[in-house]
PDB file of N, CA and C in Angstrom:
ATOM      1  N   MET A   1       0.844  -1.172   0.000  1.00  0.00           N
ATOM      2  CA  MET A   1       0.000   0.000   0.000  1.00  0.00           C
ATOM      3  C   MET A   1       0.887   1.231   0.000  1.00  0.00           C
ATOM      4  N   MET A   2       0.642   2.104  -0.930  1.00  0.00           N
ATOM      5  CA  MET A   2       1.436   3.324  -1.038  1.00  0.00           C
ATOM      6  C   MET A   2       0.817   4.398  -0.161  1.00  0.00           C
ATOM      7  N   GLY A   3       1.619   5.349   0.221  1.00  0.00           N
ATOM      8  CA  GLY A   3       1.094   6.459   1.002  1.00  0.00           C
ATOM      9  C   GLY A   3       1.884   6.680   2.270  1.00  0.00           C
ATOM     10  N   GLU A   4       1.472   7.672   3.016  1.00  0.00           N
ATOM     11  CA  GLU A   4       2.153   8.021   4.248  1.00  0.00           C
ATOM     12  C   GLU A   4       1.817   7.019   5.342  1.00  0.00           C
ATOM     13  N   ARG A   5       2.825   6.669   6.131  1.00  0.00           N
ATOM     14  CA  ARG A   5       2.630   5.745   7.225  1.00  0.00           C
ATOM     15  C   ARG A   5       1.965   6.489   8.380  1.00  0.00           C
ATOM     16  N   THR A   6       0.820   5.987   8.824  1.00  0.00           N
ATOM     17  CA  THR A   6       0.123   6.653   9.918  1.00  0.00           C
ATOM     18  C   THR A   6       0.272   5.901  11.231  1.00  0.00           C
ATOM     19  N   VAL A   7       0.738   4.659  11.182  1.00  0.00           N
ATOM     20  CA  VAL A   7       0.917   3.849  12.382  1.00  0.00           C
ATOM     21  C   VAL A   7       2.400   3.538  12.523  1.00  0.00           C
ATOM     22  N   MET A   8       2.914   3.665  13.732  1.00  0.00           N
ATOM     23  CA  MET A   8       4.323   3.367  13.972  1.00  0.00           C
ATOM     24  C   MET A   8       4.530   1.848  13.948  1.00  0.00           C
ATOM     25  N   GLN A   9       5.467   1.379  13.138  1.00  0.00           N
ATOM     26  CA  GLN A   9       5.707  -0.059  13.011  1.00  0.00           C
ATOM     27  C   GLN A   9       6.520  -0.626  14.158  1.00  0.00           C
ATOM     28  N   GLU A  10       7.133   0.203  14.979  1.00  0.00           N
ATOM     29  CA  GLU A  10       7.912  -0.305  16.101  1.00  0.00           C
ATOM     30  C   GLU A  10       7.050  -1.135  17.047  1.00  0.00           C
ATOM     31  N   ALA A  11       5.764  -0.875  17.070  1.00  0.00           N
ATOM     32  CA  ALA A  11       4.859  -1.619  17.944  1.00  0.00           C
ATOM     33  C   ALA A  11       4.708  -3.070  17.484  1.00  0.00           C
ATOM     34  N   LEU A  12       5.093  -3.365  16.248  1.00  0.00           N
ATOM     35  CA  LEU A  12       4.969  -4.730  15.731  1.00  0.00           C
ATOM     36  C   LEU A  12       6.112  -5.632  16.175  1.00  0.00           C
ATOM     37  N   PHE A  13       7.191  -5.051  16.663  1.00  0.00           N
ATOM     38  CA  PHE A  13       8.366  -5.818  17.043  1.00  0.00           C
ATOM     39  C   PHE A  13       8.606  -5.696  18.533  1.00  0.00           C
ATOM     40  N   TYR A  14       9.268  -6.672  19.101  1.00  0.00           N
ATOM     41  CA  TYR A  14       9.616  -6.617  20.508  1.00  0.00           C
ATOM     42  C   TYR A  14      11.037  -7.110  20.688  1.00  0.00           C
ATOM     43  N   SER A  15      11.615  -6.709  21.760  1.00  0.00           N
ATOM     44  CA  SER A  15      12.978  -7.106  22.082  1.00  0.00           C
ATOM     45  C   SER A  15      12.924  -8.279  23.054  1.00  0.00           C
ATOM     46  N   PHE A  16      13.668  -9.345  22.738  1.00  0.00           N
ATOM     47  CA  PHE A  16      13.695 -10.520  23.600  1.00  0.00           C
ATOM     48  C   PHE A  16      15.140 -10.942  23.777  1.00  0.00           C
ATOM     49  N   ASN A  17      15.574 -11.017  25.017  1.00  0.00           N
ATOM     50  CA  ASN A  17      16.926 -11.439  25.330  1.00  0.00           C
ATOM     51  C   ASN A  17      16.845 -12.727  26.135  1.00  0.00           C
ATOM     52  N   LEU A  18      17.325 -13.825  25.549  1.00  0.00           N
ATOM     53  CA  LEU A  18      17.257 -15.132  26.198  1.00  0.00           C
ATOM     54  C   LEU A  18      18.015 -15.154  27.513  1.00  0.00           C
ATOM     55  N   GLU A  19      19.109 -14.416  27.584  1.00  0.00           N
ATOM     56  CA  GLU A  19      19.911 -14.373  28.811  1.00  0.00           C
ATOM     57  C   GLU A  19      19.107 -13.842  29.998  1.00  0.00           C
ATOM     58  N   GLN A  20      18.154 -12.982  29.738  1.00  0.00           N
ATOM     59  CA  GLN A  20      17.339 -12.416  30.808  1.00  0.00           C
ATOM     60  C   GLN A  20      16.223 -13.356  31.258  1.00  0.00           C
ATOM     61  N   HIS A  21      15.902 -14.352  30.440  1.00  0.00           N
ATOM     62  CA  HIS A  21      14.754 -15.214  30.727  1.00  0.00           C
ATOM     63  C   HIS A  21      15.123 -16.611  31.221  1.00  0.00           C
ATOM     64  N   VAL A  22      16.363 -17.040  30.993  1.00  0.00           N
ATOM     65  CA  VAL A  22      16.799 -18.353  31.468  1.00  0.00           C
ATOM     66  C   VAL A  22      17.741 -18.135  32.645  1.00  0.00           C
ATOM     67  N   PRO A  23      17.366 -18.577  33.835  1.00  0.00           N
ATOM     68  CA  PRO A  23      18.215 -18.365  35.015  1.00  0.00           C
ATOM     69  C   PRO A  23      19.603 -19.005  34.848  1.00  0.00           C
ATOM     70  N   ALA A  24      20.592 -18.442  35.527  1.00  0.00           N
ATOM     71  CA  ALA A  24      21.972 -18.927  35.417  1.00  0.00           C
ATOM     72  C   ALA A  24      22.120 -20.365  35.900  1.00  0.00           C
ATOM     73  N   ASP A  25      21.286 -20.806  36.843  1.00  0.00           N
ATOM     74  CA  ASP A  25      21.394 -22.166  37.364  1.00  0.00           C
ATOM     75  C   ASP A  25      20.404 -23.138  36.721  1.00  0.00           C
ATOM     76  N   HIS A  26      19.831 -22.765  35.596  1.00  0.00           N
ATOM     77  CA  HIS A  26      18.852 -23.620  34.919  1.00  0.00           C
ATOM     78  C   HIS A  26      19.537 -24.836  34.292  1.00  0.00           C
ATOM     79  N   MET A  27      18.836 -25.956  34.250  1.00  0.00           N
ATOM     80  CA  MET A  27      19.361 -27.204  33.714  1.00  0.00           C
ATOM     81  C   MET A  27      19.812 -27.062  32.254  1.00  0.00           C
ATOM     82  N   LEU A  28      19.143 -26.257  31.462  1.00  0.00           N
ATOM     83  CA  LEU A  28      19.496 -26.107  30.050  1.00  0.00           C
ATOM     84  C   LEU A  28      20.893 -25.533  29.863  1.00  0.00           C
ATOM     85  N   ARG A  29      21.300 -24.656  30.761  1.00  0.00           N
ATOM     86  CA  ARG A  29      22.643 -24.075  30.653  1.00  0.00           C
ATOM     87  C   ARG A  29      23.718 -25.132  30.926  1.00  0.00           C
ATOM     88  N   SER A  30      23.469 -26.027  31.862  1.00  0.00           N
ATOM     89  CA  SER A  30      24.460 -27.077  32.137  1.00  0.00           C
ATOM     90  C   SER A  30      24.514 -28.089  30.999  1.00  0.00           C
ATOM     91  N   ILE A  31      23.387 -28.380  30.359  1.00  0.00           N
ATOM     92  CA  ILE A  31      23.373 -29.285  29.203  1.00  0.00           C
ATOM     93  C   ILE A  31      24.139 -28.656  28.049  1.00  0.00           C
ATOM     94  N   ASP A  32      23.926 -27.367  27.818  1.00  0.00           N
ATOM     95  CA  ASP A  32      24.552 -26.678  26.689  1.00  0.00           C
ATOM     96  C   ASP A  32      26.073 -26.691  26.790  1.00  0.00           C
ATOM     97  N   ARG A  33      26.610 -26.698  27.990  1.00  0.00           N
ATOM     98  CA  ARG A  33      28.070 -26.726  28.174  1.00  0.00           C
ATOM     99  C   ARG A  33      28.690 -28.025  27.680  1.00  0.00           C
ATOM    100  N   PHE A  34      27.939 -29.120  27.719  1.00  0.00           N
ATOM    101  CA  PHE A  34      28.493 -30.431  27.385  1.00  0.00           C
ATOM    102  C   PHE A  34      28.090 -30.953  26.004  1.00  0.00           C
ATOM    103  N   VAL A  35      27.091 -30.361  25.384  1.00  0.00           N
ATOM    104  CA  VAL A  35      26.606 -30.848  24.092  1.00  0.00           C
ATOM    105  C   VAL A  35      27.229 -30.021  22.974  1.00  0.00           C
ATOM    106  N   GLU A  36      28.034 -30.658  22.144  1.00  0.00           N
ATOM    107  CA  GLU A  36      28.690 -29.991  21.024  1.00  0.00           C
ATOM    108  C   GLU A  36      28.150 -30.598  19.732  1.00  0.00           C
ATOM    109  N   LEU A  37      27.329 -29.847  19.019  1.00  0.00           N
ATOM    110  CA  LEU A  37      26.684 -30.368  17.812  1.00  0.00           C
ATOM    111  C   LEU A  37      27.070 -29.591  16.559  1.00  0.00           C
ATOM    112  N   SER A  38      28.134 -28.811  16.604  1.00  0.00           N
ATOM    113  CA  SER A  38      28.491 -27.980  15.457  1.00  0.00           C
ATOM    114  C   SER A  38      28.891 -28.806  14.227  1.00  0.00           C
ATOM    115  N   GLY A  39      29.384 -30.016  14.413  1.00  0.00           N
ATOM    116  CA  GLY A  39      29.765 -30.860  13.283  1.00  0.00           C
ATOM    117  C   GLY A  39      28.615 -31.628  12.676  1.00  0.00           C
ATOM    118  N   LEU A  40      27.461 -31.510  13.267  1.00  0.00           N
ATOM    119  CA  LEU A  40      26.298 -32.268  12.799  1.00  0.00           C
ATOM    120  C   LEU A  40      25.769 -31.768  11.453  1.00  0.00           C
ATOM    121  N   ARG A  41      25.729 -30.462  11.273  1.00  0.00           N
ATOM    122  CA  ARG A  41      25.166 -29.871  10.058  1.00  0.00           C
ATOM    123  C   ARG A  41      25.926 -30.316   8.799  1.00  0.00           C
ATOM    124  N   PRO A  42      27.262 -30.224   8.761  1.00  0.00           N
ATOM    125  CA  PRO A  42      27.968 -30.693   7.555  1.00  0.00           C
ATOM    126  C   PRO A  42      27.808 -32.204   7.321  1.00  0.00           C
ATOM    127  N   HIS A  43      27.713 -32.955   8.399  1.00  0.00           N
ATOM    128  CA  HIS A  43      27.561 -34.406   8.284  1.00  0.00           C
ATOM    129  C   HIS A  43      26.213 -34.778   7.651  1.00  0.00           C
ATOM    130  N   LEU A  44      25.165 -34.018   7.959  1.00  0.00           N
ATOM    131  CA  LEU A  44      23.827 -34.312   7.442  1.00  0.00           C
ATOM    132  C   LEU A  44      23.479 -33.557   6.160  1.00  0.00           C
ATOM    133  N   GLN A  45      24.377 -32.717   5.677  1.00  0.00           N
ATOM    134  CA  GLN A  45      24.126 -31.891   4.483  1.00  0.00           C
ATOM    135  C   GLN A  45      23.632 -32.691   3.275  1.00  0.00           C
ATOM    136  N   PRO A  46      24.176 -33.883   2.971  1.00  0.00           N
ATOM    137  CA  PRO A  46      23.708 -34.618   1.788  1.00  0.00           C
ATOM    138  C   PRO A  46      22.240 -35.055   1.860  1.00  0.00           C
ATOM    139  N   PHE A  47      21.668 -35.093   3.043  1.00  0.00           N
ATOM    140  CA  PHE A  47      20.296 -35.573   3.195  1.00  0.00           C
ATOM    141  C   PHE A  47      19.254 -34.463   3.084  1.00  0.00           C
ATOM    142  N   TYR A  48      19.687 -33.209   2.933  1.00  0.00           N
ATOM    143  CA  TYR A  48      18.779 -32.074   2.845  1.00  0.00           C
ATOM    144  C   TYR A  48      18.750 -31.544   1.423  1.00  0.00           C
ATOM    145  N   SER A  49      17.571 -31.223   0.948  1.00  0.00           N
ATOM    146  CA  SER A  49      17.407 -30.705  -0.404  1.00  0.00           C
ATOM    147  C   SER A  49      17.830 -29.241  -0.461  1.00  0.00           C
ATOM    148  N   SER A  50      18.382 -28.836  -1.590  1.00  0.00           N
ATOM    149  CA  SER A  50      18.779 -27.439  -1.759  1.00  0.00           C
ATOM    150  C   SER A  50      17.634 -26.606  -2.325  1.00  0.00           C
ATOM    151  N   THR A  51      16.538 -27.259  -2.722  1.00  0.00           N
ATOM    152  CA  THR A  51      15.379 -26.539  -3.251  1.00  0.00           C
ATOM    153  C   THR A  51      14.189 -26.729  -2.325  1.00  0.00           C
ATOM    154  N   GLY A  52      13.226 -25.876  -2.474  1.00  0.00           N
ATOM    155  CA  GLY A  52      12.013 -25.996  -1.678  1.00  0.00           C
ATOM    156  C   GLY A  52      12.103 -25.264  -0.361  1.00  0.00           C
ATOM    157  N   ARG A  53      11.185 -25.552   0.487  1.00  0.00           N
ATOM    158  CA  ARG A  53      11.086 -24.883   1.782  1.00  0.00           C
ATOM    159  C   ARG A  53      12.223 -25.333   2.704  1.00  0.00           C
ATOM    160  N   PRO A  54      12.851 -24.387   3.409  1.00  0.00           N
ATOM    161  CA  PRO A  54      13.940 -24.781   4.312  1.00  0.00           C
ATOM    162  C   PRO A  54      13.444 -25.686   5.435  1.00  0.00           C
ATOM    163  N   SER A  55      14.254 -26.652   5.789  1.00  0.00           N
ATOM    164  CA  SER A  55      13.868 -27.584   6.842  1.00  0.00           C
ATOM    165  C   SER A  55      14.343 -27.061   8.192  1.00  0.00           C
ATOM    166  N   VAL A  56      13.996 -27.770   9.239  1.00  0.00           N
ATOM    167  CA  VAL A  56      14.434 -27.412  10.588  1.00  0.00           C
ATOM    168  C   VAL A  56      15.933 -27.688  10.684  1.00  0.00           C
ATOM    169  N   ASP A  57      16.641 -26.783  11.296  1.00  0.00           N
ATOM    170  CA  ASP A  57      18.072 -26.933  11.492  1.00  0.00           C
ATOM    171  C   ASP A  57      18.338 -28.224  12.272  1.00  0.00           C
ATOM    172  N   PRO A  58      19.203 -29.121  11.753  1.00  0.00           N
ATOM    173  CA  PRO A  58      19.416 -30.404  12.439  1.00  0.00           C
ATOM    174  C   PRO A  58      19.979 -30.233  13.851  1.00  0.00           C
ATOM    175  N   GLU A  59      20.821 -29.236  14.064  1.00  0.00           N
ATOM    176  CA  GLU A  59      21.355 -29.008  15.409  1.00  0.00           C
ATOM    177  C   GLU A  59      20.231 -28.633  16.368  1.00  0.00           C
ATOM    178  N   LEU A  60      19.324 -27.785  15.926  1.00  0.00           N
ATOM    179  CA  LEU A  60      18.185 -27.397  16.755  1.00  0.00           C
ATOM    180  C   LEU A  60      17.276 -28.601  17.023  1.00  0.00           C
ATOM    181  N   MET A  61      17.061 -29.421  16.013  1.00  0.00           N
ATOM    182  CA  MET A  61      16.190 -30.590  16.167  1.00  0.00           C
ATOM    183  C   MET A  61      16.753 -31.561  17.212  1.00  0.00           C
ATOM    184  N   VAL A  62      18.050 -31.816  17.169  1.00  0.00           N
ATOM    185  CA  VAL A  62      18.652 -32.735  18.145  1.00  0.00           C
ATOM    186  C   VAL A  62      18.589 -32.133  19.540  1.00  0.00           C
ATOM    187  N   ARG A  63      18.813 -30.832  19.652  1.00  0.00           N
ATOM    188  CA  ARG A  63      18.711 -30.185  20.968  1.00  0.00           C
ATOM    189  C   ARG A  63      17.290 -30.302  21.520  1.00  0.00           C
ATOM    190  N   MET A  64      16.284 -30.146  20.662  1.00  0.00           N
ATOM    191  CA  MET A  64      14.897 -30.287  21.125  1.00  0.00           C
ATOM    192  C   MET A  64      14.618 -31.725  21.562  1.00  0.00           C
ATOM    193  N   LEU A  65      15.174 -32.697  20.857  1.00  0.00           N
ATOM    194  CA  LEU A  65      14.973 -34.093  21.239  1.00  0.00           C
ATOM    195  C   LEU A  65      15.628 -34.408  22.568  1.00  0.00           C
ATOM    196  N   ILE A  66      16.803 -33.845  22.826  1.00  0.00           N
ATOM    197  CA  ILE A  66      17.492 -34.073  24.109  1.00  0.00           C
ATOM    198  C   ILE A  66      16.678 -33.492  25.249  1.00  0.00           C
ATOM    199  N   ILE A  67      16.185 -32.296  25.054  1.00  0.00           N
ATOM    200  CA  ILE A  67      15.421 -31.624  26.117  1.00  0.00           C
ATOM    201  C   ILE A  67      14.065 -32.277  26.321  1.00  0.00           C
ATOM    202  N   GLY A  68      13.443 -32.698  25.221  1.00  0.00           N
ATOM    203  CA  GLY A  68      12.107 -33.283  25.287  1.00  0.00           C
ATOM    204  C   GLY A  68      12.073 -34.557  26.049  1.00  0.00           C
TER     205      GLY A  68
END
């Protein structure tokens, strides 16, 4: 839609800082110190298509499975 903006768009966005919402002694922080999954993405690269809708990040998926 063309024309002058009459509503401020800043109201559509919010600031979220994970460090402020997860306590320092939370179990997830201790798990994160020991789980190293950075090599997982290149290892699984051949199984992901380069076309179409992007899939869930494999590192994120494994982290969700561990926590779940």
